[in-house]
Amino acid sequence: MNFDNTFPVILAFAPLALGVVWKFSKGSSATYKPIGLTVIGALAGGLVYMRSAFETEPSILFLASAILLSGFCVVLSHEDTQQTSTNYAPIMIVLGLSLGVLLNQAIVSRIFLVGLLGYIAISQNREQQNSFRTKIIFLHVTLAIIFALGSVFLGDTLQMFASLFLAVTFLPLAPFHLPFVGTIKDAKETLSSLWIIVWLVIGIAELNTLYSSLSTEILFTLSLLALVSGVYASLASLGQKFNSLFVASATVAHVALVWGLLEVFPSFSKWGIPFGITLAFVMGGISLAFSFIRQRYGWKTLGKLPGLASPMPRFGVALVLLVSFALFLPLFPTFSGLMVMPTIVTHDVGIVLVSFLFLVVWLGGGWYFLQMLHQTAFGEARSDVPYFDLRLTELVAVSALLLGAAYSGMIY
């Protein structure tokens, strides 16, 4: 194996090994954050080196950079506690495994993907009770592991369907969304933000590889499934009481746009990747902002702490900006797709389906995002709660994700 192939493995293995060591260590909590930020900075330098020295796809480096930015924000904003090692370790493990999936090829990439799926299964088994939903998630992840390994050795047709199963899992469409929702629901502290971005980035990379082999019939079927998923997830968002489930459902609703627009716009890499990363950053930012409130007050239910914008102006401004960005998310793939679309070459039925999907996601998002904002930022603050606004590191983390979303959606 030459250096071109070993260097991406080294980049992925560094945070992974560090996370495993931290998981079983009892070192000083004061060292975890600076070490983590230093490692992420070194990984960023490694990506810059790969861009100049190797013939690496720019889209892959962009996706890997999105994961690094997410990891940086999560580590930077993390609050030191007595259980710091158990909180930092999962961040580095997820960071290492996801980079291994993106930066490597063929069997090596699939081995890292199997490792990530195995870590998801172990985490679900540890957090969840032995419920029917947990069994479905575990079965789904097991199938994903089988397909991840099988996709390397199967024929072209079977390989395409195996990759499609992985794509609808990581770029979640109902009814393939349960592992995603379960992972976000059970993620501790700020890890839910990292999981959202990592999950969508891997799904985007899988779909980008798969896109050229999808037939017209499969694209039409995916459009129908996207419409069902968008309607279901939008209604689920309206009925969610817990902030983590709200963000997860809203993410699934907006992901439906990616799948629905495949039949309309060509050149997925030109519009799909920027929109997917923008969506990941916005939803990851909302999840990160909510995690700060959970750390302070143990708050998980929407509406339990209204009026946060008044006693916590930094949090209020950050949340208003994130929701404002989220309200216009459906417009980004539309403009980007139209720019690379020479002529309308799709059927009228496809146009009708996508138009209806667009309205469902946009109008539904406008309703449940504004409802969430009203329940959280506005109203009368409680007099029995000692409010503490965002710390500087927390504000910088949320701002970085907002800037990343703006760059991906408007410039990239």
Protein backbone atom coordinates (compact mmCIF):
# COMPACT_ATOMS: atom_id res chain seq x y z
CA MET A 1 0.00 0.00 0.00
CA ASN A 2 1.53 3.32 -1.07
CA PHE A 3 1.51 6.61 0.84
CA ASP A 4 -1.49 7.90 -1.13
CA ASN A 5 -3.55 5.12 0.42
CA THR A 6 -2.01 5.03 3.89
CA PHE A 7 -2.25 8.77 4.62
CA PRO A 8 -6.10 8.85 4.74
CA VAL A 9 -6.02 5.82 7.05
CA ILE A 10 -3.61 7.65 9.36
CA LEU A 11 -5.85 10.74 9.40
CA ALA A 12 -8.85 8.63 10.40
CA PHE A 13 -6.97 6.45 12.87
CA ALA A 14 -5.53 9.38 14.88
CA PRO A 15 -8.81 10.66 16.43
CA LEU A 16 -10.19 7.12 16.61
CA ALA A 17 -7.23 5.87 18.66
CA LEU A 18 -7.37 8.97 20.85
CA GLY A 19 -11.06 8.42 21.52
CA VAL A 20 -10.50 4.78 22.48
CA VAL A 21 -7.68 5.75 24.85
CA TRP A 22 -9.81 8.48 26.43
CA LYS A 23 -12.70 6.08 26.91
CA PHE A 24 -10.64 3.94 29.27
CA SER A 25 -8.42 6.63 30.80
CA LYS A 26 -8.78 8.75 33.91
CA GLY A 27 -6.63 11.72 32.97
CA SER A 28 -7.04 15.35 33.92
CA SER A 29 -10.20 16.88 32.45
CA ALA A 30 -8.34 20.13 31.77
CA THR A 31 -6.30 18.45 29.00
CA TYR A 32 -9.09 16.92 26.92
CA LYS A 33 -10.35 20.05 25.19
CA PRO A 34 -6.95 21.50 24.10
CA ILE A 35 -5.77 18.07 22.93
CA GLY A 36 -9.00 17.52 21.01
CA LEU A 37 -8.83 20.93 19.33
CA THR A 38 -5.14 20.38 18.47
CA VAL A 39 -5.91 17.02 16.85
CA ILE A 40 -8.76 18.56 14.83
CA GLY A 41 -6.44 21.37 13.72
CA ALA A 42 -3.86 18.79 12.62
CA LEU A 43 -6.55 16.90 10.70
CA ALA A 44 -7.53 20.12 8.93
CA GLY A 45 -3.89 20.54 7.94
CA GLY A 46 -3.94 16.97 6.66
CA LEU A 47 -6.89 17.76 4.41
CA VAL A 48 -5.05 20.77 3.03
CA TYR A 49 -2.07 18.52 2.32
CA MET A 50 -4.27 15.95 0.58
CA ARG A 51 -5.71 18.66 -1.65
CA SER A 52 -2.26 19.76 -2.80
CA ALA A 53 -0.43 16.42 -2.90
CA PHE A 54 -3.04 13.84 -3.92
CA GLU A 55 -5.69 13.62 -6.62
CA THR A 56 -8.56 13.65 -4.14
CA GLU A 57 -12.07 14.61 -5.24
CA PRO A 58 -12.81 18.20 -4.10
CA SER A 59 -16.30 17.11 -3.03
CA ILE A 60 -14.83 14.50 -0.68
CA LEU A 61 -12.56 17.08 0.93
CA PHE A 62 -15.51 19.45 1.28
CA LEU A 63 -17.58 16.77 3.01
CA ALA A 64 -14.67 15.85 5.29
CA SER A 65 -14.18 19.54 6.12
CA ALA A 66 -17.83 19.75 7.16
CA ILE A 67 -17.31 16.91 9.64
CA LEU A 68 -14.15 18.54 10.98
CA LEU A 69 -15.94 21.85 11.48
CA SER A 70 -18.70 20.06 13.34
CA GLY A 71 -16.19 18.26 15.54
CA PHE A 72 -14.37 21.52 16.25
CA CYS A 73 -17.63 23.24 17.30
CA VAL A 74 -18.72 20.37 19.52
CA VAL A 75 -15.34 20.10 21.27
CA LEU A 76 -14.97 23.88 21.62
CA SER A 77 -18.39 24.35 23.18
CA HIS A 78 -18.21 21.30 25.42
CA GLU A 79 -18.46 22.08 29.11
CA ASP A 80 -15.86 20.38 31.31
CA THR A 81 -17.34 18.07 33.93
CA GLN A 82 -16.13 15.29 36.18
CA GLN A 83 -17.15 12.82 33.44
CA THR A 84 -15.25 14.70 30.72
CA SER A 85 -13.38 11.67 29.34
CA THR A 86 -16.60 9.73 28.79
CA ASN A 87 -18.06 12.76 26.96
CA TYR A 88 -15.06 13.60 24.77
CA ALA A 89 -14.25 10.02 23.81
CA PRO A 90 -17.39 9.42 21.67
CA ILE A 91 -16.75 12.69 19.82
CA MET A 92 -13.29 11.58 18.71
CA ILE A 93 -14.41 8.02 17.93
CA VAL A 94 -17.26 9.21 15.69
CA LEU A 95 -14.93 11.77 14.09
CA GLY A 96 -12.30 9.13 13.27
CA LEU A 97 -14.73 6.53 11.92
CA SER A 98 -16.61 9.03 9.73
CA LEU A 99 -13.39 10.45 8.27
CA GLY A 100 -12.29 6.90 7.52
CA VAL A 101 -15.50 6.33 5.56
CA LEU A 102 -15.08 9.49 3.50
CA LEU A 103 -11.35 9.65 2.82
CA ASN A 104 -10.72 6.01 1.95
CA GLN A 105 -11.93 3.87 -0.93
CA ALA A 106 -13.35 0.40 -1.58
CA ILE A 107 -12.90 -2.15 1.20
CA VAL A 108 -11.07 0.21 3.57
CA SER A 109 -13.91 2.72 3.46
CA ARG A 110 -16.45 -0.06 4.06
CA ILE A 111 -14.49 -1.36 7.05
CA PHE A 112 -14.68 2.07 8.66
CA LEU A 113 -18.41 2.21 7.79
CA VAL A 114 -18.95 -1.17 9.45
CA GLY A 115 -17.09 0.17 12.49
CA LEU A 116 -19.36 3.22 12.60
CA LEU A 117 -22.50 1.11 12.22
CA GLY A 118 -21.26 -1.26 14.91
CA TYR A 119 -20.64 1.67 17.23
CA ILE A 120 -24.20 2.88 16.55
CA ALA A 121 -25.60 -0.57 17.34
CA ILE A 122 -23.63 -0.81 20.59
CA SER A 123 -24.74 2.67 21.63
CA GLN A 124 -28.38 1.85 20.90
CA ASN A 125 -28.17 -1.40 22.82
CA ARG A 126 -26.66 0.41 25.81
CA GLU A 127 -29.14 3.30 25.89
CA GLN A 128 -32.40 1.64 24.91
CA GLN A 129 -34.57 -0.86 26.68
CA ASN A 130 -35.44 -4.12 24.96
CA SER A 131 -38.37 -2.62 23.08
CA PHE A 132 -39.79 -3.53 19.67
CA ARG A 133 -38.48 -0.23 18.25
CA THR A 134 -34.98 -1.05 19.49
CA LYS A 135 -35.13 -4.47 17.85
CA ILE A 136 -36.15 -2.88 14.52
CA ILE A 137 -33.25 -0.41 14.75
CA PHE A 138 -30.80 -3.18 15.60
CA LEU A 139 -32.06 -5.29 12.66
CA HIS A 140 -31.78 -2.29 10.34
CA VAL A 141 -28.20 -1.57 11.42
CA THR A 142 -27.31 -5.26 11.03
CA LEU A 143 -28.63 -5.24 7.45
CA ALA A 144 -26.67 -2.04 6.78
CA ILE A 145 -23.49 -3.78 7.98
CA ILE A 146 -24.17 -6.75 5.69
CA PHE A 147 -24.86 -4.46 2.72
CA ALA A 148 -21.79 -2.34 3.47
CA LEU A 149 -19.54 -5.38 3.23
CA GLY A 150 -21.51 -7.00 0.42
CA SER A 151 -21.43 -3.89 -1.77
CA VAL A 152 -17.71 -4.46 -2.35
CA PHE A 153 -18.07 -8.01 -3.64
CA LEU A 154 -21.52 -8.09 -5.27
CA GLY A 155 -22.31 -7.57 -8.94
CA ASP A 156 -23.20 -4.17 -10.32
CA THR A 157 -26.98 -4.47 -9.88
CA LEU A 158 -26.87 -5.90 -6.36
CA GLN A 159 -24.13 -3.45 -5.46
CA MET A 160 -26.38 -0.59 -6.57
CA PHE A 161 -29.26 -1.77 -4.38
CA ALA A 162 -26.94 -2.32 -1.41
CA SER A 163 -25.59 1.22 -1.79
CA LEU A 164 -29.14 2.56 -2.17
CA PHE A 165 -30.11 0.94 1.14
CA LEU A 166 -27.15 2.65 2.81
CA ALA A 167 -28.04 5.96 1.16
CA VAL A 168 -31.68 5.97 2.36
CA THR A 169 -30.41 5.02 5.82
CA PHE A 170 -27.86 7.81 6.18
CA LEU A 171 -29.82 10.34 4.13
CA PRO A 172 -32.90 9.19 6.02
CA LEU A 173 -36.21 8.58 4.32
CA ALA A 174 -39.19 7.10 6.16
CA PRO A 175 -39.44 4.19 6.91
CA PHE A 176 -35.63 3.91 6.91
CA HIS A 177 -35.22 6.78 9.39
CA LEU A 178 -35.47 4.94 12.71
CA PRO A 179 -31.70 4.45 13.29
CA PHE A 180 -31.14 8.16 12.65
CA VAL A 181 -33.94 9.29 14.97
CA GLY A 182 -32.90 6.81 17.67
CA THR A 183 -29.27 7.93 17.54
CA ILE A 184 -30.14 11.64 17.78
CA LYS A 185 -32.63 10.99 20.58
CA ASP A 186 -30.12 9.14 22.75
CA ALA A 187 -27.01 11.22 22.02
CA LYS A 188 -25.64 12.90 25.12
CA GLU A 189 -24.64 16.51 25.56
CA THR A 190 -23.50 18.16 22.31
CA LEU A 191 -22.90 14.84 20.51
CA SER A 192 -26.33 15.01 18.83
CA SER A 193 -25.13 17.95 16.71
CA LEU A 194 -22.10 15.99 15.51
CA TRP A 195 -24.25 12.94 14.75
CA ILE A 196 -26.66 14.97 12.58
CA ILE A 197 -23.84 16.35 10.43
CA VAL A 198 -21.90 13.07 10.24
CA TRP A 199 -25.05 11.11 9.35
CA LEU A 200 -26.09 13.42 6.52
CA VAL A 201 -22.55 13.82 5.17
CA ILE A 202 -22.11 10.06 4.83
CA GLY A 203 -25.52 9.83 3.16
CA ILE A 204 -24.61 12.59 0.71
CA ALA A 205 -21.33 10.87 -0.16
CA GLU A 206 -23.13 7.57 -0.72
CA LEU A 207 -25.79 9.15 -2.92
CA ASN A 208 -23.21 11.11 -4.90
CA THR A 209 -21.43 7.85 -5.77
CA LEU A 210 -24.70 6.10 -6.54
CA TYR A 211 -26.49 8.84 -8.48
CA SER A 212 -25.26 8.02 -12.00
CA SER A 213 -26.50 4.41 -11.79
CA LEU A 214 -30.09 5.25 -10.77
CA SER A 215 -32.63 4.55 -13.52
CA THR A 216 -35.65 6.70 -14.33
CA GLU A 217 -37.97 4.16 -12.70
CA ILE A 218 -35.95 4.16 -9.48
CA LEU A 219 -35.84 7.95 -9.42
CA PHE A 220 -39.63 8.13 -9.78
CA THR A 221 -40.07 5.59 -6.97
CA LEU A 222 -37.71 7.61 -4.78
CA SER A 223 -39.75 10.75 -5.53
CA LEU A 224 -42.92 9.01 -4.32
CA LEU A 225 -41.14 7.78 -1.19
CA ALA A 226 -39.74 11.27 -0.61
CA LEU A 227 -43.24 12.75 -0.76
CA VAL A 228 -44.54 10.24 1.80
CA SER A 229 -41.50 10.81 4.00
CA GLY A 230 -41.82 14.61 3.78
CA VAL A 231 -45.50 14.56 4.75
CA TYR A 232 -44.94 12.09 7.58
CA ALA A 233 -41.91 13.88 9.04
CA SER A 234 -43.56 17.32 8.81
CA LEU A 235 -46.58 16.05 10.73
CA ALA A 236 -44.28 14.32 13.22
CA SER A 237 -42.41 17.60 13.80
CA LEU A 238 -45.67 19.37 14.62
CA GLY A 239 -46.47 16.80 17.28
CA GLN A 240 -43.04 16.50 18.91
CA LYS A 241 -42.67 17.62 22.52
CA PHE A 242 -38.98 16.77 22.94
CA ASN A 243 -36.38 19.03 21.33
CA SER A 244 -34.12 16.19 20.10
CA LEU A 245 -37.00 14.41 18.37
CA PHE A 246 -38.19 17.71 16.92
CA VAL A 247 -34.82 18.38 15.29
CA ALA A 248 -34.57 14.79 14.04
CA SER A 249 -38.05 14.90 12.48
CA ALA A 250 -37.42 18.31 10.91
CA THR A 251 -34.19 16.96 9.40
CA VAL A 252 -35.97 13.95 7.88
CA ALA A 253 -38.62 16.29 6.42
CA HIS A 254 -36.03 18.46 4.68
CA VAL A 255 -33.92 15.50 3.53
CA ALA A 256 -36.96 14.44 1.47
CA LEU A 257 -36.25 17.42 -0.80
CA VAL A 258 -32.87 15.97 -1.76
CA TRP A 259 -34.46 12.72 -2.90
CA GLY A 260 -37.44 14.38 -4.55
CA LEU A 261 -35.33 16.72 -6.65
CA LEU A 262 -33.10 13.96 -8.04
CA GLU A 263 -35.57 13.40 -10.89
CA VAL A 264 -35.74 17.09 -11.75
CA PHE A 265 -32.19 18.47 -11.52
CA PRO A 266 -29.08 16.87 -13.06
CA SER A 267 -25.53 17.14 -11.68
CA PHE A 268 -26.22 16.11 -8.08
CA SER A 269 -22.74 17.17 -7.01
CA LYS A 270 -23.47 20.76 -8.10
CA TRP A 271 -26.66 21.29 -6.09
CA GLY A 272 -27.18 18.25 -3.83
CA ILE A 273 -23.90 18.39 -1.93
CA PRO A 274 -24.13 22.13 -1.10
CA PHE A 275 -27.75 21.81 -0.02
CA GLY A 276 -27.10 18.69 2.03
CA ILE A 277 -24.23 20.33 3.91
CA THR A 278 -26.27 23.52 4.43
CA LEU A 279 -29.11 21.45 5.86
CA ALA A 280 -26.72 19.52 8.11
CA PHE A 281 -25.13 22.70 9.48
CA VAL A 282 -28.47 24.39 10.19
CA MET A 283 -30.00 21.38 11.92
CA GLY A 284 -26.75 20.67 13.72
CA GLY A 285 -26.68 24.29 14.89
CA ILE A 286 -30.23 24.11 16.25
CA SER A 287 -29.41 20.85 18.02
CA LEU A 288 -26.23 22.38 19.45
CA ALA A 289 -28.12 25.42 20.77
CA PHE A 290 -30.69 23.16 22.43
CA SER A 291 -27.92 21.06 24.01
CA PHE A 292 -26.58 24.15 25.80
CA ILE A 293 -29.94 24.61 27.48
CA ARG A 294 -30.11 20.91 28.39
CA GLN A 295 -26.68 21.17 30.01
CA ARG A 296 -27.82 24.10 32.15
CA TYR A 297 -31.33 23.04 33.16
CA GLY A 298 -31.87 19.45 32.01
CA TRP A 299 -34.55 20.84 29.67
CA LYS A 300 -35.80 18.43 27.02
CA THR A 301 -39.42 19.48 26.51
CA LEU A 302 -40.39 22.27 24.13
CA GLY A 303 -42.29 25.05 25.89
CA LYS A 304 -41.00 24.25 29.37
CA LEU A 305 -38.65 27.25 29.33
CA PRO A 306 -40.31 30.03 27.29
CA GLY A 307 -39.02 33.55 26.86
CA LEU A 308 -35.32 32.67 26.66
CA ALA A 309 -34.54 35.54 24.29
CA SER A 310 -35.01 38.15 27.03
CA PRO A 311 -32.76 36.80 29.83
CA MET A 312 -30.42 35.07 27.34
CA PRO A 313 -30.03 37.52 24.41
CA ARG A 314 -27.08 35.67 22.86
CA PHE A 315 -29.05 32.44 22.76
CA GLY A 316 -32.11 34.29 21.47
CA VAL A 317 -30.23 35.89 18.57
CA ALA A 318 -28.53 32.61 17.67
CA LEU A 319 -31.82 30.71 17.66
CA VAL A 320 -33.63 33.37 15.62
CA LEU A 321 -30.84 33.34 13.01
CA LEU A 322 -30.84 29.53 12.84
CA VAL A 323 -34.62 29.33 12.45
CA SER A 324 -34.61 32.15 9.88
CA PHE A 325 -32.04 30.20 7.88
CA ALA A 326 -34.07 27.01 8.26
CA LEU A 327 -37.23 28.68 6.94
CA PHE A 328 -35.52 29.35 3.59
CA LEU A 329 -33.75 25.99 3.28
CA PRO A 330 -36.02 24.67 0.45
CA LEU A 331 -35.01 27.60 -1.75
CA PHE A 332 -31.31 26.68 -1.83
CA PRO A 333 -31.56 23.44 -3.85
CA THR A 334 -34.10 25.06 -6.15
CA PHE A 335 -31.82 27.93 -7.13
CA SER A 336 -28.72 25.74 -7.30
CA GLY A 337 -30.55 23.10 -9.35
CA LEU A 338 -31.96 25.61 -11.81
CA MET A 339 -28.47 27.00 -12.42
CA VAL A 340 -27.22 23.61 -13.65
CA MET A 341 -30.44 22.63 -15.45
CA PRO A 342 -30.23 23.33 -19.20
CA THR A 343 -33.83 22.38 -20.01
CA ILE A 344 -36.82 20.81 -18.31
CA VAL A 345 -36.55 17.18 -19.33
CA THR A 346 -38.79 15.52 -16.77
CA HIS A 347 -42.37 14.32 -16.97
CA ASP A 348 -45.32 16.42 -15.85
CA VAL A 349 -46.11 13.85 -13.16
CA GLY A 350 -42.63 14.31 -11.71
CA ILE A 351 -43.01 18.07 -11.69
CA VAL A 352 -46.33 17.80 -9.85
CA LEU A 353 -44.87 15.44 -7.24
CA VAL A 354 -41.85 17.61 -6.59
CA SER A 355 -43.94 20.79 -6.46
CA PHE A 356 -46.23 19.22 -3.88
CA LEU A 357 -43.23 17.96 -1.89
CA PHE A 358 -41.70 21.44 -2.00
CA LEU A 359 -44.89 23.01 -0.64
CA VAL A 360 -45.27 20.37 2.07
CA VAL A 361 -41.72 20.81 3.35
CA TRP A 362 -41.68 24.61 3.04
CA LEU A 363 -45.11 25.31 4.50
CA GLY A 364 -44.75 22.59 7.12
CA GLY A 365 -41.32 23.88 8.09
CA GLY A 366 -42.63 27.42 8.34
CA TRP A 367 -45.32 26.22 10.73
CA TYR A 368 -43.32 23.99 13.06
CA PHE A 369 -40.17 26.12 13.12
CA LEU A 370 -42.12 29.26 14.02
CA GLN A 371 -44.09 27.31 16.61
CA MET A 372 -40.83 26.05 18.16
CA LEU A 373 -39.38 29.57 18.13
CA HIS A 374 -42.47 30.96 19.84
CA GLN A 375 -42.34 28.23 22.49
CA THR A 376 -38.65 28.78 23.19
CA ALA A 377 -37.43 32.30 22.48
CA PHE A 378 -40.53 34.43 22.98
CA GLY A 379 -43.09 34.78 25.72
CA GLU A 380 -42.62 35.53 29.41
CA ALA A 381 -39.52 34.12 31.09
CA ARG A 382 -39.96 32.11 34.27
CA SER A 383 -39.08 33.94 37.50
CA ASP A 384 -37.93 30.78 39.32
CA VAL A 385 -35.11 29.95 36.89
CA PRO A 386 -31.56 31.39 37.17
CA TYR A 387 -30.70 32.18 33.55
CA PHE A 388 -27.12 32.06 32.22
CA ASP A 389 -26.52 33.21 28.66
CA LEU A 390 -24.26 31.45 26.16
CA ARG A 391 -20.57 31.45 26.95
CA LEU A 392 -18.18 32.87 24.36
CA THR A 393 -17.08 29.41 23.19
CA GLU A 394 -20.72 28.34 22.77
CA LEU A 395 -21.53 31.46 20.77
CA VAL A 396 -18.47 30.94 18.55
CA ALA A 397 -19.48 27.31 17.91
CA VAL A 398 -23.02 28.18 16.82
CA SER A 399 -21.74 31.11 14.74
CA ALA A 400 -19.23 28.84 12.97
CA LEU A 401 -22.00 26.45 11.94
CA LEU A 402 -24.11 29.37 10.70
CA LEU A 403 -21.19 30.68 8.65
CA GLY A 404 -20.58 27.18 7.31
CA ALA A 405 -24.23 26.94 6.24
CA ALA A 406 -24.05 30.35 4.55
CA TYR A 407 -20.86 29.40 2.67
CA SER A 408 -22.21 26.03 1.53
CA GLY A 409 -25.62 27.35 0.52
CA MET A 410 -24.63 30.62 -1.14
CA ILE A 411 -21.00 30.39 -2.24
CA TYR A 412 -19.79 26.80 -2.70
